[in-house]
Amino acid sequence: MNKSKLIRWSIVVALAGFIFGFDTVVISGANQPIKELWHTSPLFHGFFIMSMALWGTVLGALFGGIPTEKYGRKTVLLWVGVLFAVSAFGSAFAGNAYIFSFFRFIGGIGIGVSSVVAPIYISEISTPATRGRLGALYQFNIVFGILVAFLSNYFLQGVGGSDDWRWMLGVLAVPALLYTVLVFGISESPRWLITKRNDLAKAKQIMLQIGVVDVETETASIIESNRHDSANGKVAGFFSAKHKKIIYLAFMVAFFNQLSGINFILYYAPEILEKAGLAAKDSLFNSIAIGGVNLAFTFVGLFLIDKLGRKTLLIIGSLGYILSLSMVAWAFYSHAGPVFLMSFLLLFIAAHAVGQGAVIWVFISEIFPNKIRGAGQSFGASIHWIFAALITLITPVFLDSNSGIFKDNPWPIFAFFAGMMALQLIWVLTSVPETKGVSLEELEKKLSA
């Protein structure tokens, strides 16, 4: 049995996560220079500069399931790479805020679609025993991309003078083009070939390539699952009563992911650290520490997700969130000093990496039935990105140095996030099922019962 192609294809597809992560936080280095260059107001800056990519991500996530189901996983993965590359070049050469926003929006669409199609593809080619680890490769690459973006921003500061930010954004074109070339070497998802094309011969051939032990049994299980999800030849509607539990779980895990404040901290890390008393260059350097801790503890989550399970990691993460966010709020409130505050910011990042960060994309991609997995992943991802965009949009209203509501001391923001994570802990303990080690078809029966 040879699983080298399974691992290789999963790594290639997970590289979409690297570009996703890089693109998500590279804007943090361009935040202040663009504000000074185009003299943007807080609300304009929040919408057109900082959150425009996220609104594109919302659109990509909302509708990414449609081409994913119609044209196949591989075709859509290729177009994601094209969108990333176009966005990188366009943002770097933008002559004004509106052109810049347009190309950031294009990149956001790519991110949104990738957050739908990449986890689906990996979950569909994985075995129950490896699905957590391989699925978490996507999150690992997101985190790796975040770290590289922080490093890139730090080392490119001063390279281009007032055009530093253009280099920071433009360098993303390199991994985008590399990823696009590598996607040509993967095969289509066998589950999609069976479900949407009824191409059993090709699906079986791919299953053999990725190390499926009993191809005939696996094929029969997928066919039976499709039959089970149909009624009189008609697939149950996405928002039918049959799927209400799954939709509830996807909504809540995505909602709480963003109400932890993770994107707020990643997008505005340098500004937050400056408010804690660190100079601009120091704050950019400490952003690298945030990226490094994120990467290190993502390894921990990757190692534990198929051992301890998804629910256990969410519980551990929730406890870490509550402690760290409460202490960050207290640090700002009491002016405890940058070292104390930075320590608990790093604990927050560690808690996220082990908990929600490791779990969210795996969990959403595995709980929906084969027939509606594209729509389900699209739903979960869009909820995640809607709240990410809203939080990023309104942050300047609270954080702006001149007119922000909490411009002098942002402790109430962190206290609010800590309260939301207490609610997440209650939800996980009372409502979240364990999904580790269960086949996608068995999960369908369990969650749709």
Protein backbone atom coordinates (compact mmCIF):
# COMPACT_ATOMS: atom_id res chain seq x y z
CA MET A 1 0.00 0.00 0.00
CA ASN A 2 1.52 3.32 -1.13
CA LYS A 3 0.27 6.50 0.53
CA SER A 4 2.95 8.83 -0.87
CA LYS A 5 0.53 10.38 -3.37
CA LEU A 6 -2.09 10.89 -0.64
CA ILE A 7 0.41 12.86 1.43
CA ARG A 8 1.90 14.71 -1.54
CA TRP A 9 -1.47 15.79 -2.93
CA SER A 10 -2.65 16.86 0.53
CA ILE A 11 0.48 19.00 0.96
CA VAL A 12 0.06 20.62 -2.47
CA VAL A 13 -3.59 21.49 -1.83
CA ALA A 14 -2.77 22.70 1.68
CA LEU A 15 -0.36 25.23 0.12
CA ALA A 16 -3.48 27.25 -0.69
CA GLY A 17 -3.57 27.75 3.07
CA PHE A 18 -0.06 29.23 2.99
CA ILE A 19 -1.17 31.91 0.52
CA PHE A 20 -4.36 32.39 2.55
CA GLY A 21 -2.31 32.98 5.73
CA PHE A 22 0.26 35.22 4.04
CA ASP A 23 -2.41 37.35 2.40
CA THR A 24 -4.42 37.58 5.64
CA VAL A 25 -1.73 39.38 7.66
CA VAL A 26 0.59 40.95 5.06
CA ILE A 27 -1.77 43.92 5.16
CA SER A 28 -0.70 44.58 8.78
CA GLY A 29 2.65 45.87 7.49
CA ALA A 30 0.96 48.08 4.91
CA ASN A 31 -1.66 49.42 7.32
CA GLN A 32 0.07 52.59 8.55
CA PRO A 33 1.98 53.48 5.31
CA ILE A 34 -1.23 53.36 3.26
CA LYS A 35 -3.07 55.42 5.88
CA GLU A 36 -0.38 58.10 5.59
CA LEU A 37 -0.10 57.86 1.78
CA TRP A 38 -3.79 58.23 0.94
CA HIS A 39 -4.93 60.05 4.13
CA THR A 40 -7.80 57.67 4.75
CA SER A 41 -10.43 58.25 7.44
CA PRO A 42 -10.93 55.49 10.07
CA LEU A 43 -14.13 54.13 8.52
CA PHE A 44 -12.82 54.37 4.94
CA HIS A 45 -9.57 52.73 5.99
CA GLY A 46 -11.39 49.94 7.84
CA PHE A 47 -13.65 49.15 4.88
CA PHE A 48 -11.63 49.84 1.71
CA ILE A 49 -8.10 49.06 2.92
CA MET A 50 -8.18 46.62 5.83
CA SER A 51 -11.38 44.63 5.35
CA MET A 52 -11.91 44.71 1.56
CA ALA A 53 -10.06 41.40 1.08
CA LEU A 54 -12.31 39.90 3.74
CA TRP A 55 -15.45 40.99 1.92
CA GLY A 56 -14.07 39.26 -1.16
CA THR A 57 -13.45 36.25 1.05
CA VAL A 58 -17.07 36.30 2.16
CA LEU A 59 -18.21 36.32 -1.49
CA GLY A 60 -15.78 33.51 -2.39
CA ALA A 61 -16.88 31.42 0.58
CA LEU A 62 -20.59 31.99 -0.07
CA PHE A 63 -20.46 30.92 -3.70
CA GLY A 64 -17.31 28.80 -3.80
CA GLY A 65 -19.31 25.63 -3.22
CA ILE A 66 -21.15 26.01 -6.54
CA PRO A 67 -18.17 25.66 -8.94
CA THR A 68 -16.58 23.17 -6.51
CA GLU A 69 -19.55 20.85 -6.95
CA LYS A 70 -20.13 21.56 -10.66
CA TYR A 71 -16.62 21.62 -12.12
CA GLY A 72 -14.70 19.55 -9.58
CA ARG A 73 -12.20 20.20 -6.83
CA LYS A 74 -9.07 20.29 -9.01
CA THR A 75 -10.35 22.85 -11.54
CA VAL A 76 -11.40 25.24 -8.78
CA LEU A 77 -8.08 24.81 -6.96
CA LEU A 78 -6.29 25.91 -10.15
CA TRP A 79 -8.39 29.07 -10.48
CA VAL A 80 -7.71 29.91 -6.84
CA GLY A 81 -4.00 30.15 -7.68
CA VAL A 82 -4.73 32.46 -10.61
CA LEU A 83 -6.80 34.79 -8.40
CA PHE A 84 -4.01 34.92 -5.82
CA ALA A 85 -1.40 35.87 -8.42
CA VAL A 86 -3.56 38.57 -10.05
CA SER A 87 -4.31 40.08 -6.64
CA ALA A 88 -0.63 40.19 -5.63
CA PHE A 89 0.46 42.01 -8.79
CA GLY A 90 -2.54 44.35 -8.84
CA SER A 91 -2.27 45.37 -5.17
CA ALA A 92 1.46 46.04 -5.46
CA PHE A 93 1.07 48.38 -8.45
CA ALA A 94 -2.18 50.09 -7.35
CA GLY A 95 -2.20 53.84 -7.95
CA ASN A 96 -5.00 54.76 -5.56
CA ALA A 97 -7.11 53.36 -2.74
CA TYR A 98 -9.94 52.20 -5.01
CA ILE A 99 -7.74 50.19 -7.39
CA PHE A 100 -5.92 48.77 -4.37
CA SER A 101 -9.25 47.73 -2.84
CA PHE A 102 -10.37 46.06 -6.08
CA PHE A 103 -7.31 43.81 -6.27
CA ARG A 104 -7.47 43.04 -2.53
CA PHE A 105 -11.09 42.03 -3.16
CA ILE A 106 -9.98 39.68 -5.96
CA GLY A 107 -7.45 38.04 -3.63
CA GLY A 108 -10.14 37.74 -0.99
CA ILE A 109 -12.34 35.81 -3.40
CA GLY A 110 -9.44 33.38 -3.87
CA ILE A 111 -9.06 32.97 -0.11
CA GLY A 112 -12.79 32.40 0.35
CA VAL A 113 -12.97 29.77 -2.38
CA SER A 114 -9.81 28.06 -1.09
CA SER A 115 -11.31 27.82 2.40
CA VAL A 116 -14.15 25.85 0.79
CA VAL A 117 -12.43 23.62 -1.74
CA ALA A 118 -9.07 22.79 -0.09
CA PRO A 119 -10.47 21.28 3.16
CA ILE A 120 -13.08 19.38 1.14
CA TYR A 121 -10.49 17.88 -1.19
CA ILE A 122 -8.21 16.78 1.66
CA SER A 123 -11.07 15.31 3.73
CA GLU A 124 -12.35 13.37 0.71
CA ILE A 125 -9.05 11.69 -0.14
CA SER A 126 -8.06 10.96 3.48
CA THR A 127 -8.75 7.89 5.62
CA PRO A 128 -10.59 8.19 8.97
CA ALA A 129 -7.28 7.64 10.78
CA THR A 130 -5.41 10.39 8.90
CA ARG A 131 -8.20 12.88 8.13
CA GLY A 132 -7.52 15.07 11.16
CA ARG A 133 -3.77 15.37 10.60
CA LEU A 134 -3.99 15.81 6.83
CA GLY A 135 -6.89 18.24 7.15
CA ALA A 136 -4.95 20.23 9.73
CA LEU A 137 -2.14 20.62 7.15
CA TYR A 138 -4.30 23.35 5.66
CA GLN A 139 -4.36 25.18 8.99
CA PHE A 140 -0.62 24.56 9.43
CA ASN A 141 0.05 26.23 6.09
CA ILE A 142 -2.19 29.15 7.03
CA VAL A 143 -0.11 29.63 10.16
CA PHE A 144 3.17 29.15 8.26
CA GLY A 145 2.01 31.76 5.76
CA ILE A 146 1.21 34.14 8.64
CA LEU A 147 4.71 33.73 10.08
CA VAL A 148 6.39 34.21 6.70
CA ALA A 149 4.26 37.34 6.11
CA PHE A 150 5.37 38.81 9.45
CA LEU A 151 9.00 37.98 8.61
CA SER A 152 8.63 39.37 5.09
CA ASN A 153 7.12 42.61 6.39
CA TYR A 154 9.92 42.98 8.91
CA PHE A 155 12.77 42.39 6.47
CA LEU A 156 11.20 44.41 3.64
CA GLN A 157 10.78 47.45 5.86
CA GLY A 158 13.21 50.00 4.50
CA VAL A 159 13.86 48.20 1.19
CA GLY A 160 11.67 50.40 -0.95
CA GLY A 161 11.40 53.55 1.12
CA SER A 162 7.84 54.83 0.99
CA ASP A 163 6.98 51.91 -1.32
CA ASP A 164 7.89 49.20 1.21
CA TRP A 165 4.27 48.12 1.37
CA ARG A 166 4.22 47.43 -2.38
CA TRP A 167 7.06 44.94 -2.00
CA MET A 168 5.32 43.36 1.00
CA LEU A 169 2.17 42.71 -1.04
CA GLY A 170 3.80 41.93 -4.39
CA VAL A 171 6.06 39.14 -3.13
CA LEU A 172 2.95 36.95 -2.66
CA ALA A 173 2.91 36.39 -6.43
CA VAL A 174 5.84 33.95 -6.11
CA PRO A 175 4.12 31.27 -3.95
CA ALA A 176 0.85 31.88 -5.83
CA LEU A 177 2.40 30.94 -9.17
CA LEU A 178 4.30 27.99 -7.68
CA TYR A 179 1.11 26.62 -6.10
CA THR A 180 -0.78 26.93 -9.40
CA VAL A 181 1.87 24.88 -11.24
CA LEU A 182 1.88 22.15 -8.56
CA VAL A 183 -1.92 21.74 -8.66
CA PHE A 184 -1.64 20.44 -12.23
CA GLY A 185 0.00 17.32 -10.75
CA ILE A 186 -2.88 16.22 -8.49
CA SER A 187 -5.92 14.10 -9.42
CA GLU A 188 -9.61 14.78 -8.90
CA SER A 189 -11.37 13.70 -5.69
CA PRO A 190 -12.70 10.13 -6.14
CA ARG A 191 -15.77 10.97 -4.03
CA TRP A 192 -16.64 13.81 -6.42
CA LEU A 193 -16.15 11.54 -9.44
CA ILE A 194 -18.58 8.99 -7.97
CA THR A 195 -21.12 11.46 -6.60
CA LYS A 196 -21.23 13.97 -9.45
CA ARG A 197 -19.91 12.12 -12.51
CA ASN A 198 -20.68 8.46 -11.75
CA ASP A 199 -17.18 7.71 -13.05
CA LEU A 200 -16.50 4.59 -10.99
CA ALA A 201 -13.55 3.37 -13.06
CA LYS A 202 -11.52 6.57 -12.69
CA ALA A 203 -12.48 6.93 -9.03
CA LYS A 204 -11.27 3.40 -8.26
CA GLN A 205 -8.02 4.04 -10.09
CA ILE A 206 -7.36 7.14 -7.97
CA MET A 207 -8.27 5.26 -4.77
CA LEU A 208 -5.60 2.70 -5.58
CA GLN A 209 -3.08 5.50 -6.11
CA ILE A 210 -3.77 7.04 -2.68
CA GLY A 211 -3.56 3.73 -0.83
CA VAL A 212 -7.19 2.70 -0.23
CA VAL A 213 -7.02 -0.92 0.97
CA ASP A 214 -10.46 -2.19 -0.12
CA VAL A 215 -11.51 -0.13 -3.13
CA GLU A 216 -14.73 -2.04 -3.80
CA THR A 217 -16.00 -1.67 -0.23
CA GLU A 218 -15.09 2.03 -0.17
CA THR A 219 -16.89 2.62 -3.47
CA ALA A 220 -19.99 0.77 -2.27
CA SER A 221 -19.99 2.82 0.95
CA ILE A 222 -19.92 6.10 -0.98
CA ILE A 223 -22.72 4.97 -3.31
CA GLU A 224 -24.82 3.85 -0.32
CA SER A 225 -24.20 7.17 1.41
CA ASN A 226 -25.47 9.04 -1.64
CA ARG A 227 -28.53 6.83 -1.77
CA HIS A 228 -29.14 7.39 1.94
CA ASP A 229 -29.05 11.18 1.47
CA SER A 230 -31.65 11.08 -1.30
CA ALA A 231 -35.40 10.74 -1.01
CA ASN A 232 -37.32 9.46 -4.04
CA GLY A 233 -34.36 10.43 -6.20
CA LYS A 234 -34.27 13.98 -4.87
CA VAL A 235 -31.49 15.20 -2.57
CA ALA A 236 -32.74 16.69 0.68
CA GLY A 237 -32.51 20.50 0.62
CA PHE A 238 -29.55 22.07 2.37
CA PHE A 239 -31.68 23.86 4.96
CA SER A 240 -33.97 20.89 5.53
CA ALA A 241 -34.74 19.64 9.04
CA LYS A 242 -32.48 16.66 8.35
CA HIS A 243 -29.42 18.89 8.28
CA LYS A 244 -30.32 21.37 11.04
CA LYS A 245 -27.93 19.88 13.61
CA ILE A 246 -24.99 19.93 11.18
CA ILE A 247 -25.76 23.52 10.11
CA TYR A 248 -25.97 24.58 13.76
CA LEU A 249 -22.57 23.01 14.52
CA ALA A 250 -20.91 24.62 11.46
CA PHE A 251 -22.38 28.03 12.28
CA MET A 252 -21.31 28.00 15.91
CA VAL A 253 -17.74 26.77 15.38
CA ALA A 254 -17.21 29.48 12.73
CA PHE A 255 -18.91 32.16 14.84
CA PHE A 256 -16.83 31.45 17.93
CA ASN A 257 -13.63 31.20 15.87
CA GLN A 258 -13.84 34.89 15.02
CA LEU A 259 -15.33 36.03 18.33
CA SER A 260 -12.10 34.87 19.93
CA GLY A 261 -10.52 37.99 18.40
CA ILE A 262 -7.92 36.08 16.39
CA ASN A 263 -8.20 38.14 13.19
CA PHE A 264 -8.42 41.35 15.21
CA ILE A 265 -5.05 40.54 16.78
CA LEU A 266 -3.39 39.26 13.57
CA TYR A 267 -4.52 42.18 11.41
CA TYR A 268 -3.70 44.88 13.94
CA ALA A 269 -0.78 43.26 15.81
CA PRO A 270 1.75 46.10 15.24
CA GLU A 271 -0.80 48.75 16.26
CA ILE A 272 -1.89 46.82 19.37
CA LEU A 273 1.72 46.32 20.43
CA GLU A 274 2.49 49.99 19.92
CA LYS A 275 -0.35 50.83 22.30
CA ALA A 276 1.30 48.47 24.79
CA GLY A 277 4.38 50.68 24.75
CA LEU A 278 6.55 49.12 22.06
CA ALA A 279 8.17 51.26 19.36
CA ALA A 280 7.04 50.74 15.76
CA LYS A 281 10.05 48.63 14.73
CA ASP A 282 9.83 46.61 17.97
CA SER A 283 6.12 46.00 17.46
CA LEU A 284 6.75 44.68 13.95
CA PHE A 285 9.49 42.40 15.31
CA ASN A 286 7.21 41.13 18.10
CA SER A 287 4.60 40.34 15.45
CA ILE A 288 7.11 37.72 14.28
CA ALA A 289 7.03 36.20 17.78
CA ILE A 290 3.25 35.91 17.44
CA GLY A 291 3.69 34.12 14.11
CA GLY A 292 6.37 31.81 15.54
CA VAL A 293 4.30 30.73 18.54
CA ASN A 294 1.33 30.22 16.22
CA LEU A 295 3.42 27.88 14.04
CA ALA A 296 4.94 25.95 16.97
CA PHE A 297 1.61 25.24 18.65
CA THR A 298 -0.05 24.40 15.35
CA PHE A 299 2.41 21.48 15.28
CA VAL A 300 1.02 20.48 18.68
CA GLY A 301 -2.55 20.68 17.40
CA LEU A 302 -1.56 18.71 14.29
CA PHE A 303 -0.06 15.98 16.49
CA LEU A 304 -3.02 15.79 18.90
CA ILE A 305 -6.08 16.18 16.66
CA ASP A 306 -6.34 12.47 15.77
CA LYS A 307 -5.20 11.37 19.24
CA LEU A 308 -7.26 13.49 21.64
CA GLY A 309 -9.98 14.43 19.17
CA ARG A 310 -11.64 17.63 18.00
CA LYS A 311 -13.83 18.23 21.07
CA THR A 312 -10.96 17.87 23.56
CA LEU A 313 -8.82 20.36 21.64
CA LEU A 314 -11.70 22.85 21.61
CA ILE A 315 -12.02 22.54 25.38
CA ILE A 316 -8.27 23.05 25.92
CA GLY A 317 -8.31 26.02 23.55
CA SER A 318 -11.32 27.60 25.28
CA LEU A 319 -9.65 27.47 28.68
CA GLY A 320 -6.50 29.02 27.22
CA TYR A 321 -8.53 31.74 25.52
CA ILE A 322 -10.37 32.71 28.72
CA LEU A 323 -7.18 32.96 30.79
CA SER A 324 -5.07 34.77 28.20
CA LEU A 325 -7.68 37.28 27.03
CA SER A 326 -8.64 38.12 30.62
CA MET A 327 -4.99 38.79 31.46
CA VAL A 328 -4.44 40.90 28.32
CA ALA A 329 -7.48 42.99 29.26
CA TRP A 330 -6.12 43.38 32.80
CA ALA A 331 -2.65 44.25 31.48
CA PHE A 332 -4.03 47.12 29.41
CA TYR A 333 -6.37 48.23 32.22
CA SER A 334 -3.61 48.30 34.87
CA HIS A 335 -0.76 49.36 32.53
CA ALA A 336 1.13 46.23 33.58
CA GLY A 337 3.84 46.66 30.96
CA PRO A 338 4.62 45.30 27.48
CA VAL A 339 6.43 42.11 28.62
CA PHE A 340 3.51 40.95 30.77
CA LEU A 341 1.02 41.78 28.02
CA MET A 342 3.11 40.15 25.30
CA SER A 343 3.36 36.94 27.34
CA PHE A 344 -0.41 36.55 27.52
CA LEU A 345 -0.87 37.56 23.88
CA LEU A 346 1.43 34.67 23.02
CA LEU A 347 -0.58 32.36 25.31
CA PHE A 348 -3.71 33.44 23.42
CA ILE A 349 -2.05 32.56 20.11
CA ALA A 350 -0.99 29.16 21.50
CA ALA A 351 -4.52 28.44 22.73
CA HIS A 352 -5.94 29.31 19.32
CA ALA A 353 -3.39 27.19 17.45
CA VAL A 354 -4.10 24.08 19.55
CA GLY A 355 -7.87 24.61 19.71
CA GLN A 356 -9.99 26.44 17.14
CA GLY A 357 -7.11 26.87 14.69
CA ALA A 358 -6.44 23.15 14.43
CA VAL A 359 -10.08 22.10 14.48
CA ILE A 360 -12.27 24.49 12.47
CA TRP A 361 -11.49 23.54 8.86
CA VAL A 362 -11.26 19.83 9.63
CA PHE A 363 -14.52 19.84 11.60
CA ILE A 364 -16.59 21.73 9.02
CA SER A 365 -15.26 19.65 6.11
CA GLU A 366 -16.11 16.32 7.76
CA ILE A 367 -19.59 16.85 9.27
CA PHE A 368 -21.53 17.44 6.03
CA PRO A 369 -22.79 14.56 3.80
CA ASN A 370 -21.08 13.88 0.45
CA LYS A 371 -23.98 15.31 -1.57
CA ILE A 372 -23.92 18.72 0.13
CA ARG A 373 -20.31 18.92 1.32
CA GLY A 374 -19.52 21.79 -1.06
CA ALA A 375 -22.55 23.79 0.09
CA GLY A 376 -21.81 22.91 3.72
CA GLN A 377 -18.18 23.97 3.60
CA SER A 378 -19.27 27.11 1.77
CA PHE A 379 -21.80 27.87 4.52
CA GLY A 380 -19.34 27.34 7.37
CA ALA A 381 -16.54 29.27 5.68
CA SER A 382 -18.83 32.18 4.79
CA ILE A 383 -20.01 32.52 8.41
CA HIS A 384 -16.36 32.56 9.49
CA TRP A 385 -15.46 35.26 6.97
CA ILE A 386 -18.53 37.42 7.52
CA PHE A 387 -17.66 37.82 11.19
CA ALA A 388 -13.95 38.26 10.34
CA ALA A 389 -14.86 41.07 7.93
CA LEU A 390 -17.22 42.76 10.37
CA ILE A 391 -14.65 42.73 13.17
CA THR A 392 -11.89 44.02 10.89
CA LEU A 393 -14.19 46.71 9.46
CA ILE A 394 -15.19 48.20 12.82
CA THR A 395 -11.81 47.84 14.58
CA PRO A 396 -10.48 51.27 13.44
CA VAL A 397 -13.60 52.85 14.99
CA PHE A 398 -12.45 51.49 18.36
CA LEU A 399 -8.66 51.49 17.91
CA ASP A 400 -7.78 54.54 15.75
CA SER A 401 -5.15 56.72 17.47
CA ASN A 402 -7.05 59.94 16.80
CA SER A 403 -10.75 59.17 17.08
CA GLY A 404 -11.12 55.57 18.32
CA ILE A 405 -13.57 54.86 21.13
CA PHE A 406 -10.84 53.02 23.04
CA LYS A 407 -7.90 54.91 21.51
CA ASP A 408 -6.18 55.35 24.89
CA ASN A 409 -6.78 51.90 26.32
CA PRO A 410 -8.37 48.95 24.43
CA TRP A 411 -8.91 46.71 27.49
CA PRO A 412 -12.75 46.47 27.03
CA ILE A 413 -12.22 44.85 23.60
CA PHE A 414 -10.20 41.99 25.11
CA ALA A 415 -12.65 41.63 28.01
CA PHE A 416 -15.46 41.19 25.50
CA PHE A 417 -13.56 38.47 23.62
CA ALA A 418 -12.83 36.68 26.93
CA GLY A 419 -16.56 36.63 27.71
CA MET A 420 -17.35 35.16 24.29
CA MET A 421 -14.82 32.38 24.87
CA ALA A 422 -16.52 31.49 28.16
CA LEU A 423 -19.69 31.01 26.11
CA GLN A 424 -17.74 28.88 23.63
CA LEU A 425 -16.59 26.58 26.43
CA ILE A 426 -20.20 26.02 27.53
CA TRP A 427 -21.22 25.28 23.92
CA VAL A 428 -18.40 22.78 23.37
CA LEU A 429 -19.17 20.93 26.60
CA THR A 430 -22.90 20.69 25.90
CA SER A 431 -23.27 20.43 22.12
CA VAL A 432 -20.16 19.33 20.19
CA PRO A 433 -19.87 15.63 19.20
CA GLU A 434 -16.52 13.89 18.75
CA THR A 435 -15.72 13.07 15.12
CA LYS A 436 -12.22 11.56 15.26
CA GLY A 437 -11.68 8.11 13.72
CA VAL A 438 -15.11 7.96 12.05
CA SER A 439 -15.55 7.64 8.28
CA LEU A 440 -17.33 10.44 6.43
CA GLU A 441 -20.19 8.09 5.58
CA GLU A 442 -20.60 6.95 9.20
CA LEU A 443 -20.54 10.56 10.37
CA GLU A 444 -23.35 11.34 7.94
CA LYS A 445 -25.55 8.67 9.48
CA LYS A 446 -24.67 9.74 13.02
CA LEU A 447 -25.25 13.48 12.59
CA SER A 448 -28.31 13.25 10.34
CA ALA A 449 -30.12 10.80 12.61
